[in-house]
Amino acid sequence: MASLMKAIVDPKKNWLAALHMKSISNRLRKYGLRYDDLYDPYYDLDIKEALNRLPREIVDARNQRLKRAMDLSMKHEYLPQDLQALQTPFRSYLHEMLALMLIKRRACTNTMILHLRLPLDTLGNQLVGAHTHTRTGEMLNL
């Protein structure tokens, strides 16, 4: 099932995906944006953390592209054709750092699950609704 989905969205295998990618590329070029500029750091904390870990020059360039795009949009204009030709809308700068953040979050979540202490009865079954105090080991019924 996963390989079918990858084949559907792969522009090299599906002409409709290639057409969609070309359309997105043209729209991003008109405003001088990259695809990674469209990620919202207020929506996803992983993106916010990834942007905080990137070098300052990359983040400043991203902010400059976003400001230029907003300015062009407000003026109902596009970049000149010679500048549009220089744009690289699918050149990623955030993908690697975002993948690293997701790996760290999964590792942290797995560590938290391993360190969670749940009380067991004499048969080894997990007790429902009972929790232990982390320092004293006392049973707490919540």
C-alpha atoms as a PDB file:
ATOM      1  CA  MET A   1       0.000   0.000   0.000  1.00  0.00           C
ATOM      2  CA  ALA A   2       2.826   2.392   0.861  1.00  0.00           C
ATOM      3  CA  SER A   3       4.616   1.700  -2.417  1.00  0.00           C
ATOM      4  CA  LEU A   4       1.393   2.453  -4.307  1.00  0.00           C
ATOM      5  CA  MET A   5       1.090   5.818  -2.556  1.00  0.00           C
ATOM      6  CA  LYS A   6       4.730   6.637  -3.314  1.00  0.00           C
ATOM      7  CA  ALA A   7       4.160   5.801  -6.987  1.00  0.00           C
ATOM      8  CA  ILE A   8       1.087   8.043  -7.106  1.00  0.00           C
ATOM      9  CA  VAL A   9       2.843  11.123  -5.704  1.00  0.00           C
ATOM     10  CA  ASP A  10       6.207  10.589  -7.443  1.00  0.00           C
ATOM     11  CA  PRO A  11       6.514  13.115 -10.322  1.00  0.00           C
ATOM     12  CA  LYS A  12       8.871  10.760 -12.181  1.00  0.00           C
ATOM     13  CA  LYS A  13       6.236   8.006 -12.335  1.00  0.00           C
ATOM     14  CA  ASN A  14       2.959   9.917 -12.498  1.00  0.00           C
ATOM     15  CA  TRP A  15       2.388  12.628 -15.093  1.00  0.00           C
ATOM     16  CA  LEU A  16      -0.344  14.245 -12.988  1.00  0.00           C
ATOM     17  CA  ALA A  17       2.051  14.601 -10.042  1.00  0.00           C
ATOM     18  CA  ALA A  18       4.635  16.100 -12.420  1.00  0.00           C
ATOM     19  CA  LEU A  19       2.055  18.592 -13.689  1.00  0.00           C
ATOM     20  CA  HIS A  20       1.157  19.541 -10.120  1.00  0.00           C
ATOM     21  CA  MET A  21       4.834  19.968  -9.203  1.00  0.00           C
ATOM     22  CA  LYS A  22       5.396  22.198 -12.227  1.00  0.00           C
ATOM     23  CA  SER A  23       2.384  24.322 -11.289  1.00  0.00           C
ATOM     24  CA  ILE A  24       3.616  24.732  -7.704  1.00  0.00           C
ATOM     25  CA  SER A  25       7.103  25.547  -8.989  1.00  0.00           C
ATOM     26  CA  ASN A  26       5.784  28.287 -11.284  1.00  0.00           C
ATOM     27  CA  ARG A  27       3.745  29.868  -8.496  1.00  0.00           C
ATOM     28  CA  LEU A  28       6.663  29.825  -6.067  1.00  0.00           C
ATOM     29  CA  ARG A  29       9.001  31.319  -8.697  1.00  0.00           C
ATOM     30  CA  LYS A  30       6.619  34.232  -9.272  1.00  0.00           C
ATOM     31  CA  TYR A  31       7.107  35.342  -5.673  1.00  0.00           C
ATOM     32  CA  GLY A  32      10.682  34.124  -5.179  1.00  0.00           C
ATOM     33  CA  LEU A  33       9.812  31.539  -2.549  1.00  0.00           C
ATOM     34  CA  ARG A  34      11.048  28.048  -1.788  1.00  0.00           C
ATOM     35  CA  TYR A  35       8.764  25.197  -0.806  1.00  0.00           C
ATOM     36  CA  ASP A  36      10.289  25.062   2.689  1.00  0.00           C
ATOM     37  CA  ASP A  37       9.324  28.707   3.209  1.00  0.00           C
ATOM     38  CA  LEU A  38       5.684  27.631   3.338  1.00  0.00           C
ATOM     39  CA  TYR A  39       6.112  25.718   6.618  1.00  0.00           C
ATOM     40  CA  ASP A  40       4.599  27.636   9.533  1.00  0.00           C
ATOM     41  CA  PRO A  41       6.655  27.591  12.766  1.00  0.00           C
ATOM     42  CA  TYR A  42       3.573  28.555  14.811  1.00  0.00           C
ATOM     43  CA  TYR A  43       1.692  25.485  13.605  1.00  0.00           C
ATOM     44  CA  ASP A  44       4.316  22.826  14.309  1.00  0.00           C
ATOM     45  CA  LEU A  45       6.823  22.969  17.160  1.00  0.00           C
ATOM     46  CA  ASP A  46       9.234  20.668  15.309  1.00  0.00           C
ATOM     47  CA  ILE A  47       9.497  23.232  12.510  1.00  0.00           C
ATOM     48  CA  LYS A  48      10.036  26.001  15.054  1.00  0.00           C
ATOM     49  CA  GLU A  49      12.838  24.046  16.717  1.00  0.00           C
ATOM     50  CA  ALA A  50      14.392  23.142  13.359  1.00  0.00           C
ATOM     51  CA  LEU A  51      14.416  26.826  12.357  1.00  0.00           C
ATOM     52  CA  ASN A  52      16.037  27.725  15.678  1.00  0.00           C
ATOM     53  CA  ARG A  53      18.833  25.224  15.011  1.00  0.00           C
ATOM     54  CA  LEU A  54      19.578  26.436  11.478  1.00  0.00           C
ATOM     55  CA  PRO A  55      22.367  28.981  10.893  1.00  0.00           C
ATOM     56  CA  ARG A  56      21.282  32.597  11.238  1.00  0.00           C
ATOM     57  CA  GLU A  57      22.046  33.403   7.572  1.00  0.00           C
ATOM     58  CA  ILE A  58      19.618  30.762   6.326  1.00  0.00           C
ATOM     59  CA  VAL A  59      16.825  31.967   8.613  1.00  0.00           C
ATOM     60  CA  ASP A  60      17.463  35.591   7.598  1.00  0.00           C
ATOM     61  CA  ALA A  61      17.298  34.638   3.904  1.00  0.00           C
ATOM     62  CA  ARG A  62      14.005  32.813   4.565  1.00  0.00           C
ATOM     63  CA  ASN A  63      12.537  35.857   6.319  1.00  0.00           C
ATOM     64  CA  GLN A  64      13.704  38.102   3.484  1.00  0.00           C
ATOM     65  CA  ARG A  65      12.025  35.845   0.891  1.00  0.00           C
ATOM     66  CA  LEU A  66       8.788  35.855   2.895  1.00  0.00           C
ATOM     67  CA  LYS A  67       8.820  39.660   3.249  1.00  0.00           C
ATOM     68  CA  ARG A  68       9.504  40.094  -0.478  1.00  0.00           C
ATOM     69  CA  ALA A  69       6.655  37.696  -1.323  1.00  0.00           C
ATOM     70  CA  MET A  70       4.222  39.578   0.926  1.00  0.00           C
ATOM     71  CA  ASP A  71       5.300  42.883  -0.601  1.00  0.00           C
ATOM     72  CA  LEU A  72       4.823  41.580  -4.151  1.00  0.00           C
ATOM     73  CA  SER A  73       1.461  40.093  -3.241  1.00  0.00           C
ATOM     74  CA  MET A  74       0.231  43.354  -1.716  1.00  0.00           C
ATOM     75  CA  LYS A  75       1.289  45.226  -4.871  1.00  0.00           C
ATOM     76  CA  HIS A  76      -0.310  42.581  -7.140  1.00  0.00           C
ATOM     77  CA  GLU A  77       3.018  42.123  -8.926  1.00  0.00           C
ATOM     78  CA  TYR A  78       5.434  39.290  -9.642  1.00  0.00           C
ATOM     79  CA  LEU A  79       9.207  39.079  -9.759  1.00  0.00           C
ATOM     80  CA  PRO A  80      10.762  40.102 -13.085  1.00  0.00           C
ATOM     81  CA  GLN A  81      11.261  37.207 -15.519  1.00  0.00           C
ATOM     82  CA  ASP A  82      15.057  37.290 -15.227  1.00  0.00           C
ATOM     83  CA  LEU A  83      14.836  36.865 -11.429  1.00  0.00           C
ATOM     84  CA  GLN A  84      12.179  34.162 -11.744  1.00  0.00           C
ATOM     85  CA  ALA A  85      14.572  32.144 -13.889  1.00  0.00           C
ATOM     86  CA  LEU A  86      17.165  32.209 -11.078  1.00  0.00           C
ATOM     87  CA  GLN A  87      14.798  30.868  -8.414  1.00  0.00           C
ATOM     88  CA  THR A  88      15.134  27.313  -7.032  1.00  0.00           C
ATOM     89  CA  PRO A  89      11.767  26.552  -5.407  1.00  0.00           C
ATOM     90  CA  PHE A  90      12.464  22.916  -4.488  1.00  0.00           C
ATOM     91  CA  ARG A  91      15.972  23.404  -3.105  1.00  0.00           C
ATOM     92  CA  SER A  92      15.474  22.332   0.482  1.00  0.00           C
ATOM     93  CA  TYR A  93      17.174  23.888   3.475  1.00  0.00           C
ATOM     94  CA  LEU A  94      14.867  22.626   6.236  1.00  0.00           C
ATOM     95  CA  HIS A  95      14.289  18.973   5.355  1.00  0.00           C
ATOM     96  CA  GLU A  96      17.420  17.488   6.973  1.00  0.00           C
ATOM     97  CA  MET A  97      17.032  19.452  10.208  1.00  0.00           C
ATOM     98  CA  LEU A  98      13.327  18.606  10.375  1.00  0.00           C
ATOM     99  CA  ALA A  99      14.103  14.895   9.962  1.00  0.00           C
ATOM    100  CA  LEU A 100      16.644  15.178  12.781  1.00  0.00           C
ATOM    101  CA  MET A 101      14.060  16.854  15.020  1.00  0.00           C
ATOM    102  CA  LEU A 102      11.534  14.082  14.352  1.00  0.00           C
ATOM    103  CA  ILE A 103      14.127  11.408  15.195  1.00  0.00           C
ATOM    104  CA  LYS A 104      14.992  13.197  18.455  1.00  0.00           C
ATOM    105  CA  ARG A 105      11.321  13.546  19.384  1.00  0.00           C
ATOM    106  CA  ARG A 106      10.698   9.836  18.777  1.00  0.00           C
ATOM    107  CA  ALA A 107      13.747   8.902  20.833  1.00  0.00           C
ATOM    108  CA  CYS A 108      12.587  11.162  23.658  1.00  0.00           C
ATOM    109  CA  THR A 109       9.079   9.695  23.538  1.00  0.00           C
ATOM    110  CA  ASN A 110      10.438   6.137  23.618  1.00  0.00           C
ATOM    111  CA  THR A 111      12.669   7.026  26.569  1.00  0.00           C
ATOM    112  CA  MET A 112       9.736   8.523  28.447  1.00  0.00           C
ATOM    113  CA  ILE A 113       7.670   5.385  27.876  1.00  0.00           C
ATOM    114  CA  LEU A 114      10.493   3.163  29.132  1.00  0.00           C
ATOM    115  CA  HIS A 115      10.917   5.220  32.304  1.00  0.00           C
ATOM    116  CA  LEU A 116       7.227   5.287  33.111  1.00  0.00           C
ATOM    117  CA  ARG A 117       6.611   3.149  36.173  1.00  0.00           C
ATOM    118  CA  LEU A 118       3.230   1.483  36.294  1.00  0.00           C
ATOM    119  CA  PRO A 119       2.306  -0.697  39.290  1.00  0.00           C
ATOM    120  CA  LEU A 120       1.599  -4.401  38.763  1.00  0.00           C
ATOM    121  CA  ASP A 121      -0.454  -6.794  40.859  1.00  0.00           C
ATOM    122  CA  THR A 122       0.911 -10.124  42.100  1.00  0.00           C
ATOM    123  CA  LEU A 123       0.154 -11.799  38.751  1.00  0.00           C
ATOM    124  CA  GLY A 124       2.023  -9.158  36.770  1.00  0.00           C
ATOM    125  CA  ASN A 125      -1.098  -7.471  35.402  1.00  0.00           C
ATOM    126  CA  GLN A 126      -1.090  -3.690  35.151  1.00  0.00           C
ATOM    127  CA  LEU A 127      -3.351  -2.039  37.711  1.00  0.00           C
ATOM    128  CA  VAL A 128      -5.860   0.380  36.226  1.00  0.00           C
ATOM    129  CA  GLY A 129      -6.267   3.756  37.898  1.00  0.00           C
ATOM    130  CA  ALA A 130      -3.374   3.246  40.328  1.00  0.00           C
ATOM    131  CA  HIS A 131      -0.140   5.178  40.054  1.00  0.00           C
ATOM    132  CA  THR A 132       3.038   5.240  42.109  1.00  0.00           C
ATOM    133  CA  HIS A 133       4.691   8.289  43.527  1.00  0.00           C
ATOM    134  CA  THR A 134       8.051   8.650  41.780  1.00  0.00           C
ATOM    135  CA  ARG A 135      10.143   9.415  44.882  1.00  0.00           C
ATOM    136  CA  THR A 136       8.518   7.303  47.587  1.00  0.00           C
ATOM    137  CA  GLY A 137       7.016   4.478  45.509  1.00  0.00           C
ATOM    138  CA  GLU A 138       3.696   4.818  47.360  1.00  0.00           C
ATOM    139  CA  MET A 139       0.523   3.736  45.568  1.00  0.00           C
ATOM    140  CA  LEU A 140      -1.751   6.610  44.623  1.00  0.00           C
ATOM    141  CA  ASN A 141      -5.342   6.014  43.537  1.00  0.00           C
ATOM    142  CA  LEU A 142      -6.438   8.753  41.174  1.00  0.00           C
END
